[in-house]
Amino acid sequence: MYAVYSVDQIHVELTAVELESLRSDLADLEEKEAHLKAQLEHVDEILRSARLSGYLYIRTRWKPLPGEPPPLDDTDVDDWLPRFVVLQGPCIFFYLFSTDLSPQDSTLLADIVEVSPLPSFTRDDEGTRTAFCILTRQGLRFECSSASKAQVGSWLSALRTDCKLEGSDATDPKDS
């Protein structure tokens, strides 16, 4: 069986198998479009309700246990990974990409015991980065960095306020 279409003087003949294949492809594309629209709506909702959001480079470390030797100097280890970080409600969410529907990790603000700047450092390919860390009561340390001092300053200010750590004696990132 053939289907015949005429579009602007172009005559196309398709077999039933070809026509069914095109219909299947169209259905797949419509499903993908619906999924992408759902992702976009999700991202829009996150950004509207978030106190602060943006891409930061992140790496995690564990605080040494009592009696353990201090960790080795790992400043030369380049394990910084870009993450989309969202400060929303009582949590910080860490997404792989801004379009992800679910975060890879999260931390309750109530579990944060310290927010402080780290020394700036230089990466060969990207210039100087300003850094800060977030320490949880469980001993997990999120080290965060950005090429933007202003972005780091915004994160430090927002986290100190939301975690009620305003009295901390940590210095401003522009002093680093």
N, C-alpha and C. Protein backbone atom coordinates (compact mmCIF):
# COMPACT_ATOMS: atom_id res chain seq x y z
N MET A 1 0.85 -1.18 0.00
CA MET A 1 0.00 0.00 0.00
C MET A 1 0.89 1.24 0.00
N TYR A 2 0.50 2.21 -0.75
CA TYR A 2 1.25 3.45 -0.88
C TYR A 2 0.39 4.62 -0.43
N ALA A 3 1.06 5.63 0.14
CA ALA A 3 0.40 6.90 0.44
C ALA A 3 1.03 7.93 -0.48
N VAL A 4 0.21 8.76 -1.07
CA VAL A 4 0.69 9.75 -2.01
C VAL A 4 0.38 11.14 -1.45
N TYR A 5 1.42 11.98 -1.39
CA TYR A 5 1.25 13.34 -0.90
C TYR A 5 1.80 14.31 -1.93
N SER A 6 1.12 15.43 -2.07
CA SER A 6 1.61 16.49 -2.94
C SER A 6 1.76 17.75 -2.12
N VAL A 7 2.97 18.24 -2.07
CA VAL A 7 3.25 19.46 -1.32
C VAL A 7 4.03 20.39 -2.22
N ASP A 8 3.42 21.52 -2.56
CA ASP A 8 4.08 22.52 -3.41
C ASP A 8 4.76 21.89 -4.63
N GLN A 9 4.02 21.16 -5.36
CA GLN A 9 4.48 20.57 -6.61
C GLN A 9 5.48 19.42 -6.42
N ILE A 10 5.67 18.96 -5.19
CA ILE A 10 6.55 17.82 -4.95
C ILE A 10 5.66 16.62 -4.68
N HIS A 11 5.90 15.56 -5.38
CA HIS A 11 5.09 14.36 -5.27
C HIS A 11 5.89 13.31 -4.48
N VAL A 12 5.33 12.84 -3.35
CA VAL A 12 6.01 11.88 -2.49
C VAL A 12 5.17 10.63 -2.37
N GLU A 13 5.79 9.48 -2.57
CA GLU A 13 5.10 8.21 -2.38
C GLU A 13 5.80 7.45 -1.26
N LEU A 14 5.00 6.97 -0.32
CA LEU A 14 5.54 6.23 0.82
C LEU A 14 4.87 4.87 0.92
N THR A 15 5.64 3.88 1.31
CA THR A 15 5.04 2.58 1.59
C THR A 15 4.39 2.65 2.96
N ALA A 16 3.57 1.68 3.27
CA ALA A 16 2.90 1.63 4.57
C ALA A 16 3.94 1.53 5.69
N VAL A 17 5.01 0.79 5.47
CA VAL A 17 6.07 0.65 6.47
C VAL A 17 6.77 1.99 6.71
N GLU A 18 7.07 2.72 5.62
CA GLU A 18 7.71 4.02 5.76
C GLU A 18 6.80 5.00 6.49
N LEU A 19 5.51 4.97 6.15
CA LEU A 19 4.54 5.86 6.78
C LEU A 19 4.44 5.55 8.28
N GLU A 20 4.39 4.28 8.63
CA GLU A 20 4.31 3.89 10.04
C GLU A 20 5.58 4.28 10.79
N SER A 21 6.72 4.16 10.13
CA SER A 21 7.99 4.55 10.74
C SER A 21 8.00 6.06 11.02
N LEU A 22 7.52 6.85 10.08
CA LEU A 22 7.45 8.30 10.29
C LEU A 22 6.49 8.65 11.42
N ARG A 23 5.37 7.95 11.50
CA ARG A 23 4.41 8.20 12.59
C ARG A 23 5.05 7.86 13.94
N SER A 24 5.79 6.77 13.98
CA SER A 24 6.47 6.37 15.21
C SER A 24 7.51 7.42 15.61
N ASP A 25 8.29 7.89 14.63
CA ASP A 25 9.28 8.94 14.90
C ASP A 25 8.61 10.20 15.43
N LEU A 26 7.49 10.56 14.84
CA LEU A 26 6.75 11.75 15.27
C LEU A 26 6.26 11.58 16.71
N ALA A 27 5.75 10.40 17.04
CA ALA A 27 5.28 10.14 18.41
C ALA A 27 6.45 10.24 19.39
N ASP A 28 7.62 9.71 19.01
CA ASP A 28 8.81 9.79 19.86
C ASP A 28 9.22 11.24 20.09
N LEU A 29 9.18 12.04 19.03
CA LEU A 29 9.54 13.46 19.15
C LEU A 29 8.54 14.22 20.02
N GLU A 30 7.27 13.89 19.90
CA GLU A 30 6.26 14.54 20.75
C GLU A 30 6.47 14.18 22.22
N GLU A 31 6.85 12.93 22.47
CA GLU A 31 7.13 12.50 23.84
C GLU A 31 8.36 13.23 24.39
N LYS A 32 9.39 13.36 23.57
CA LYS A 32 10.60 14.07 23.99
C LYS A 32 10.28 15.54 24.25
N GLU A 33 9.45 16.14 23.40
CA GLU A 33 9.06 17.54 23.60
C GLU A 33 8.33 17.70 24.93
N ALA A 34 7.43 16.78 25.26
CA ALA A 34 6.70 16.86 26.52
C ALA A 34 7.67 16.75 27.71
N HIS A 35 8.66 15.86 27.59
CA HIS A 35 9.65 15.70 28.66
C HIS A 35 10.47 16.99 28.82
N LEU A 36 10.90 17.59 27.72
CA LEU A 36 11.68 18.82 27.78
C LEU A 36 10.86 19.97 28.36
N LYS A 37 9.57 20.03 28.01
CA LYS A 37 8.71 21.06 28.59
C LYS A 37 8.59 20.87 30.10
N ALA A 38 8.48 19.62 30.55
CA ALA A 38 8.40 19.34 31.98
C ALA A 38 9.69 19.77 32.68
N GLN A 39 10.83 19.50 32.05
CA GLN A 39 12.12 19.93 32.61
C GLN A 39 12.17 21.45 32.72
N LEU A 40 11.75 22.13 31.68
CA LEU A 40 11.78 23.59 31.66
C LEU A 40 10.88 24.16 32.75
N GLU A 41 9.69 23.60 32.91
CA GLU A 41 8.78 24.06 33.97
C GLU A 41 9.39 23.82 35.35
N HIS A 42 10.06 22.68 35.51
CA HIS A 42 10.70 22.36 36.78
C HIS A 42 11.81 23.37 37.10
N VAL A 43 12.66 23.63 36.12
CA VAL A 43 13.75 24.60 36.31
C VAL A 43 13.17 25.98 36.61
N ASP A 44 12.14 26.36 35.89
CA ASP A 44 11.50 27.66 36.12
C ASP A 44 10.98 27.76 37.55
N GLU A 45 10.35 26.71 38.04
CA GLU A 45 9.82 26.70 39.40
C GLU A 45 10.95 26.78 40.43
N ILE A 46 12.03 26.05 40.19
CA ILE A 46 13.18 26.10 41.11
C ILE A 46 13.75 27.51 41.17
N LEU A 47 13.95 28.11 40.00
CA LEU A 47 14.57 29.43 39.97
C LEU A 47 13.66 30.50 40.58
N ARG A 48 12.35 30.35 40.40
CA ARG A 48 11.43 31.33 40.98
C ARG A 48 11.42 31.26 42.51
N SER A 49 11.55 30.05 43.05
CA SER A 49 11.45 29.90 44.50
C SER A 49 12.80 29.86 45.21
N ALA A 50 13.89 29.84 44.47
CA ALA A 50 15.22 29.76 45.08
C ALA A 50 15.67 31.11 45.61
N ARG A 51 16.36 31.08 46.73
CA ARG A 51 16.96 32.30 47.27
C ARG A 51 18.21 32.66 46.47
N LEU A 52 18.96 31.63 46.05
CA LEU A 52 20.18 31.84 45.29
C LEU A 52 20.45 30.58 44.48
N SER A 53 20.95 30.75 43.27
CA SER A 53 21.29 29.59 42.45
C SER A 53 22.36 29.97 41.45
N GLY A 54 23.10 28.98 40.99
CA GLY A 54 24.11 29.21 39.97
C GLY A 54 25.12 28.09 39.93
N TYR A 55 25.93 28.11 38.89
CA TYR A 55 26.98 27.10 38.76
C TYR A 55 28.18 27.48 39.62
N LEU A 56 28.65 26.51 40.39
CA LEU A 56 29.88 26.62 41.15
C LEU A 56 30.70 25.36 40.88
N TYR A 57 32.01 25.47 41.02
CA TYR A 57 32.84 24.26 40.99
C TYR A 57 32.87 23.72 42.41
N ILE A 58 32.65 22.41 42.54
CA ILE A 58 32.52 21.78 43.85
C ILE A 58 33.47 20.59 43.96
N ARG A 59 34.00 20.40 45.15
CA ARG A 59 34.65 19.13 45.49
C ARG A 59 34.33 18.86 46.95
N THR A 60 34.32 17.61 47.34
CA THR A 60 33.97 17.25 48.71
C THR A 60 35.14 16.58 49.40
N ARG A 61 35.22 16.82 50.69
CA ARG A 61 36.24 16.23 51.54
C ARG A 61 35.57 15.88 52.87
N TRP A 62 36.15 14.93 53.57
CA TRP A 62 35.69 14.61 54.92
C TRP A 62 36.67 15.20 55.92
N LYS A 63 36.14 15.78 56.98
CA LYS A 63 36.97 16.30 58.06
C LYS A 63 37.63 15.10 58.75
N PRO A 64 38.93 15.19 59.08
CA PRO A 64 39.58 14.05 59.74
C PRO A 64 38.94 13.76 61.10
N LEU A 65 38.85 12.49 61.43
CA LEU A 65 38.31 12.09 62.73
C LEU A 65 39.34 12.40 63.81
N PRO A 66 38.88 12.55 65.07
CA PRO A 66 39.83 12.82 66.16
C PRO A 66 40.91 11.72 66.20
N GLY A 67 42.17 12.15 66.29
CA GLY A 67 43.28 11.21 66.34
C GLY A 67 43.84 10.84 64.98
N GLU A 68 43.13 11.16 63.91
CA GLU A 68 43.64 10.88 62.57
C GLU A 68 44.66 11.94 62.18
N PRO A 69 45.64 11.55 61.37
CA PRO A 69 46.58 12.57 60.89
C PRO A 69 45.86 13.54 59.96
N PRO A 70 46.37 14.76 59.84
CA PRO A 70 45.74 15.71 58.92
C PRO A 70 45.80 15.15 57.49
N PRO A 71 44.84 15.55 56.67
CA PRO A 71 44.84 15.04 55.29
C PRO A 71 46.07 15.52 54.53
N LEU A 72 46.44 14.76 53.52
CA LEU A 72 47.55 15.16 52.66
C LEU A 72 47.19 16.43 51.91
N ASP A 73 48.18 17.22 51.59
CA ASP A 73 47.95 18.43 50.80
C ASP A 73 47.49 18.01 49.41
N ASP A 74 46.27 18.35 49.08
CA ASP A 74 45.73 17.95 47.78
C ASP A 74 45.43 19.15 46.88
N THR A 75 46.16 20.23 47.10
CA THR A 75 45.91 21.43 46.30
C THR A 75 46.21 21.21 44.83
N ASP A 76 47.09 20.26 44.52
CA ASP A 76 47.41 19.98 43.12
C ASP A 76 46.42 19.02 42.47
N VAL A 77 45.52 18.44 43.26
CA VAL A 77 44.53 17.51 42.71
C VAL A 77 43.40 18.32 42.10
N ASP A 78 43.18 18.12 40.82
CA ASP A 78 42.12 18.87 40.13
C ASP A 78 40.86 18.00 40.05
N ASP A 79 40.11 17.98 41.14
CA ASP A 79 38.87 17.21 41.15
C ASP A 79 37.65 18.11 41.34
N TRP A 80 37.78 19.35 40.91
CA TRP A 80 36.67 20.31 40.96
C TRP A 80 35.70 19.98 39.83
N LEU A 81 34.42 19.85 40.17
CA LEU A 81 33.39 19.52 39.18
C LEU A 81 32.33 20.61 39.16
N PRO A 82 31.91 21.05 37.97
CA PRO A 82 30.86 22.07 37.92
C PRO A 82 29.52 21.46 38.35
N ARG A 83 28.83 22.18 39.22
CA ARG A 83 27.51 21.76 39.69
C ARG A 83 26.60 22.98 39.73
N PHE A 84 25.32 22.74 39.47
CA PHE A 84 24.33 23.80 39.60
C PHE A 84 23.83 23.72 41.04
N VAL A 85 24.08 24.77 41.81
CA VAL A 85 23.78 24.78 43.24
C VAL A 85 22.59 25.70 43.49
N VAL A 86 21.65 25.20 44.29
CA VAL A 86 20.42 25.96 44.57
C VAL A 86 20.22 26.05 46.08
N LEU A 87 20.08 27.27 46.58
CA LEU A 87 19.73 27.52 47.97
C LEU A 87 18.23 27.78 47.99
N GLN A 88 17.50 26.82 48.53
CA GLN A 88 16.04 26.89 48.47
C GLN A 88 15.45 26.35 49.77
N GLY A 89 14.65 27.17 50.43
CA GLY A 89 14.03 26.73 51.67
C GLY A 89 15.09 26.33 52.69
N PRO A 90 14.91 25.17 53.33
CA PRO A 90 15.86 24.75 54.37
C PRO A 90 17.05 23.95 53.86
N CYS A 91 17.29 23.94 52.55
CA CYS A 91 18.32 23.07 51.97
C CYS A 91 19.18 23.77 50.93
N ILE A 92 20.35 23.16 50.70
CA ILE A 92 21.16 23.46 49.52
C ILE A 92 21.08 22.20 48.66
N PHE A 93 20.78 22.38 47.39
CA PHE A 93 20.68 21.26 46.45
C PHE A 93 21.82 21.36 45.44
N PHE A 94 22.40 20.22 45.12
CA PHE A 94 23.49 20.14 44.15
C PHE A 94 23.01 19.32 42.95
N TYR A 95 22.89 19.97 41.81
CA TYR A 95 22.46 19.32 40.57
C TYR A 95 23.66 19.17 39.64
N LEU A 96 23.64 18.14 38.82
CA LEU A 96 24.68 18.00 37.80
C LEU A 96 24.54 19.12 36.78
N PHE A 97 23.30 19.32 36.31
CA PHE A 97 22.99 20.38 35.34
C PHE A 97 21.77 21.15 35.82
N SER A 98 21.62 22.37 35.36
CA SER A 98 20.47 23.19 35.76
C SER A 98 19.16 22.61 35.26
N THR A 99 19.19 21.74 34.28
CA THR A 99 17.96 21.17 33.72
C THR A 99 17.58 19.84 34.35
N ASP A 100 18.37 19.33 35.30
CA ASP A 100 18.06 18.05 35.93
C ASP A 100 16.80 18.17 36.79
N LEU A 101 16.01 17.10 36.78
CA LEU A 101 14.78 17.09 37.57
C LEU A 101 15.05 16.79 39.04
N SER A 102 16.11 16.04 39.33
CA SER A 102 16.42 15.66 40.71
C SER A 102 17.86 16.04 41.04
N PRO A 103 18.08 16.51 42.27
CA PRO A 103 19.46 16.84 42.66
C PRO A 103 20.28 15.57 42.88
N GLN A 104 21.60 15.70 42.73
CA GLN A 104 22.50 14.59 43.04
C GLN A 104 22.75 14.49 44.54
N ASP A 105 22.67 15.63 45.22
CA ASP A 105 22.95 15.66 46.65
C ASP A 105 22.22 16.85 47.25
N SER A 106 22.05 16.83 48.55
CA SER A 106 21.46 17.98 49.24
C SER A 106 21.97 17.99 50.68
N THR A 107 21.90 19.15 51.29
CA THR A 107 22.31 19.31 52.68
C THR A 107 21.33 20.26 53.36
N LEU A 108 20.90 19.88 54.54
CA LEU A 108 20.03 20.76 55.33
C LEU A 108 20.86 21.92 55.87
N LEU A 109 20.30 23.12 55.81
CA LEU A 109 20.99 24.28 56.37
C LEU A 109 21.24 24.10 57.86
N ALA A 110 20.32 23.41 58.55
CA ALA A 110 20.47 23.18 59.98
C ALA A 110 21.69 22.32 60.30
N ASP A 111 22.19 21.55 59.33
CA ASP A 111 23.38 20.71 59.54
C ASP A 111 24.69 21.45 59.28
N ILE A 112 24.61 22.67 58.77
CA ILE A 112 25.82 23.43 58.45
C ILE A 112 26.33 24.12 59.71
N VAL A 113 27.60 23.85 60.05
CA VAL A 113 28.19 24.42 61.26
C VAL A 113 29.21 25.51 60.95
N GLU A 114 29.65 25.58 59.69
CA GLU A 114 30.65 26.59 59.33
C GLU A 114 30.55 26.92 57.85
N VAL A 115 30.65 28.20 57.55
CA VAL A 115 30.76 28.69 56.17
C VAL A 115 31.90 29.69 56.20
N SER A 116 32.96 29.41 55.45
CA SER A 116 34.12 30.31 55.51
C SER A 116 34.85 30.36 54.17
N PRO A 117 35.52 31.49 53.92
CA PRO A 117 36.29 31.59 52.68
C PRO A 117 37.52 30.70 52.73
N LEU A 118 37.98 30.31 51.57
CA LEU A 118 39.23 29.57 51.40
C LEU A 118 40.17 30.46 50.60
N PRO A 119 41.45 30.18 50.62
CA PRO A 119 42.37 30.97 49.80
C PRO A 119 42.03 30.85 48.32
N SER A 120 42.18 31.94 47.61
CA SER A 120 42.00 31.91 46.15
C SER A 120 43.11 31.05 45.56
N PHE A 121 42.85 30.50 44.39
CA PHE A 121 43.87 29.68 43.73
C PHE A 121 43.78 29.92 42.23
N THR A 122 44.84 29.55 41.54
CA THR A 122 44.90 29.76 40.10
C THR A 122 44.90 28.42 39.38
N ARG A 123 44.06 28.34 38.37
CA ARG A 123 44.05 27.16 37.49
C ARG A 123 44.66 27.58 36.17
N ASP A 124 45.48 26.69 35.63
CA ASP A 124 46.19 27.00 34.39
C ASP A 124 45.26 27.44 33.28
N ASP A 125 44.15 26.74 33.14
CA ASP A 125 43.28 26.99 31.99
C ASP A 125 42.20 28.04 32.23
N GLU A 126 41.96 28.42 33.50
CA GLU A 126 40.81 29.28 33.77
C GLU A 126 41.11 30.50 34.63
N GLY A 127 42.34 30.72 34.99
CA GLY A 127 42.65 31.89 35.80
C GLY A 127 42.39 31.67 37.28
N THR A 128 42.25 32.77 38.01
CA THR A 128 42.10 32.73 39.46
C THR A 128 40.66 32.43 39.86
N ARG A 129 40.54 31.59 40.87
CA ARG A 129 39.22 31.26 41.41
C ARG A 129 39.16 31.66 42.88
N THR A 130 38.04 32.23 43.26
CA THR A 130 37.76 32.54 44.66
C THR A 130 37.00 31.34 45.23
N ALA A 131 37.31 30.97 46.47
CA ALA A 131 36.74 29.74 47.02
C ALA A 131 36.19 29.95 48.42
N PHE A 132 35.30 29.05 48.81
CA PHE A 132 34.78 29.00 50.17
C PHE A 132 34.41 27.57 50.50
N CYS A 133 34.16 27.30 51.78
CA CYS A 133 33.77 25.94 52.15
C CYS A 133 32.54 25.97 53.04
N ILE A 134 31.84 24.86 52.98
CA ILE A 134 30.66 24.62 53.80
C ILE A 134 30.95 23.34 54.58
N LEU A 135 30.94 23.42 55.91
CA LEU A 135 31.21 22.25 56.74
C LEU A 135 29.93 21.82 57.46
N THR A 136 29.60 20.54 57.36
CA THR A 136 28.40 20.03 58.03
C THR A 136 28.77 19.38 59.36
N ARG A 137 27.78 19.22 60.22
CA ARG A 137 28.02 18.60 61.53
C ARG A 137 28.46 17.14 61.39
N GLN A 138 28.19 16.53 60.24
CA GLN A 138 28.63 15.15 60.00
C GLN A 138 30.09 15.09 59.56
N GLY A 139 30.72 16.25 59.34
CA GLY A 139 32.12 16.28 58.94
C GLY A 139 32.34 16.35 57.44
N LEU A 140 31.26 16.46 56.68
CA LEU A 140 31.39 16.60 55.22
C LEU A 140 31.69 18.05 54.89
N ARG A 141 32.70 18.24 54.10
CA ARG A 141 33.15 19.59 53.73
C ARG A 141 32.96 19.76 52.23
N PHE A 142 32.09 20.70 51.85
CA PHE A 142 31.90 21.06 50.45
C PHE A 142 32.81 22.25 50.17
N GLU A 143 33.78 22.07 49.29
CA GLU A 143 34.63 23.19 48.87
C GLU A 143 34.05 23.70 47.56
N CYS A 144 33.79 25.00 47.50
CA CYS A 144 33.12 25.62 46.35
C CYS A 144 34.02 26.72 45.79
N SER A 145 34.01 26.89 44.48
CA SER A 145 34.81 27.97 43.89
C SER A 145 34.13 28.53 42.65
N SER A 146 34.56 29.74 42.31
CA SER A 146 34.04 30.43 41.14
C SER A 146 35.08 31.45 40.67
N ALA A 147 35.04 31.76 39.40
CA ALA A 147 35.91 32.82 38.87
C ALA A 147 35.40 34.19 39.31
N SER A 148 34.16 34.26 39.80
CA SER A 148 33.54 35.52 40.19
C SER A 148 33.61 35.72 41.71
N LYS A 149 34.35 36.74 42.14
CA LYS A 149 34.39 37.09 43.57
C LYS A 149 33.01 37.50 44.06
N ALA A 150 32.27 38.21 43.21
CA ALA A 150 30.93 38.66 43.60
C ALA A 150 30.00 37.47 43.85
N GLN A 151 30.10 36.45 43.01
CA GLN A 151 29.26 35.26 43.20
C GLN A 151 29.60 34.57 44.52
N VAL A 152 30.88 34.42 44.81
CA VAL A 152 31.29 33.81 46.07
C VAL A 152 30.82 34.66 47.25
N GLY A 153 30.94 35.98 47.13
CA GLY A 153 30.46 36.87 48.19
C GLY A 153 28.97 36.72 48.44
N SER A 154 28.19 36.58 47.37
CA SER A 154 26.74 36.38 47.51
C SER A 154 26.44 35.08 48.24
N TRP A 155 27.16 34.01 47.87
CA TRP A 155 26.93 32.71 48.53
C TRP A 155 27.33 32.78 50.01
N LEU A 156 28.47 33.37 50.31
CA LEU A 156 28.89 33.48 51.71
C LEU A 156 27.86 34.25 52.53
N SER A 157 27.42 35.37 52.00
CA SER A 157 26.45 36.21 52.71
C SER A 157 25.13 35.47 52.93
N ALA A 158 24.60 34.87 51.87
CA ALA A 158 23.32 34.17 51.96
C ALA A 158 23.40 32.98 52.92
N LEU A 159 24.47 32.20 52.82
CA LEU A 159 24.60 31.02 53.69
C LEU A 159 24.79 31.41 55.14
N ARG A 160 25.60 32.44 55.40
CA ARG A 160 25.80 32.87 56.78
C ARG A 160 24.49 33.36 57.39
N THR A 161 23.72 34.09 56.60
CA THR A 161 22.43 34.59 57.08
C THR A 161 21.46 33.43 57.32
N ASP A 162 21.29 32.57 56.31
CA ASP A 162 20.31 31.50 56.40
C ASP A 162 20.70 30.44 57.43
N CYS A 163 21.99 30.24 57.65
CA CYS A 163 22.46 29.26 58.64
C CYS A 163 22.68 29.90 60.00
N LYS A 164 22.38 31.19 60.08
CA LYS A 164 22.54 31.96 61.31
C LYS A 164 23.98 31.89 61.82
N LEU A 165 24.91 32.09 60.90
CA LEU A 165 26.34 32.08 61.22
C LEU A 165 26.95 33.46 61.07
N GLU A 166 26.12 34.50 61.18
CA GLU A 166 26.59 35.86 60.92
C GLU A 166 27.72 36.28 61.85
N GLY A 167 27.76 35.72 63.05
CA GLY A 167 28.79 36.09 64.00
C GLY A 167 30.13 35.45 63.73
N SER A 168 30.24 34.67 62.65
CA SER A 168 31.52 34.00 62.39
C SER A 168 32.58 35.04 62.09
N ASP A 169 33.81 34.71 62.45
CA ASP A 169 34.91 35.66 62.27
C ASP A 169 35.60 35.49 60.93
N ALA A 170 34.96 34.79 60.01
CA ALA A 170 35.57 34.55 58.69
C ALA A 170 35.68 35.86 57.93
N THR A 171 36.68 35.92 57.09
CA THR A 171 36.93 37.14 56.34
C THR A 171 36.16 37.15 55.03
N ASP A 172 36.07 38.31 54.48
CA ASP A 172 35.39 38.51 53.20
C ASP A 172 36.26 37.96 52.07
N PRO A 173 35.66 37.38 50.99
CA PRO A 173 36.47 36.81 49.92
C PRO A 173 37.35 37.83 49.21
N LYS A 174 36.99 39.10 49.24
CA LYS A 174 37.82 40.08 48.54
C LYS A 174 39.12 40.35 49.30
N ASP A 175 39.15 39.92 50.59
CA ASP A 175 40.37 40.07 51.38
C ASP A 175 41.36 38.94 51.13
N SER A 176 40.91 37.86 50.50
CA SER A 176 41.77 36.68 50.28
C SER A 176 42.75 36.93 49.18
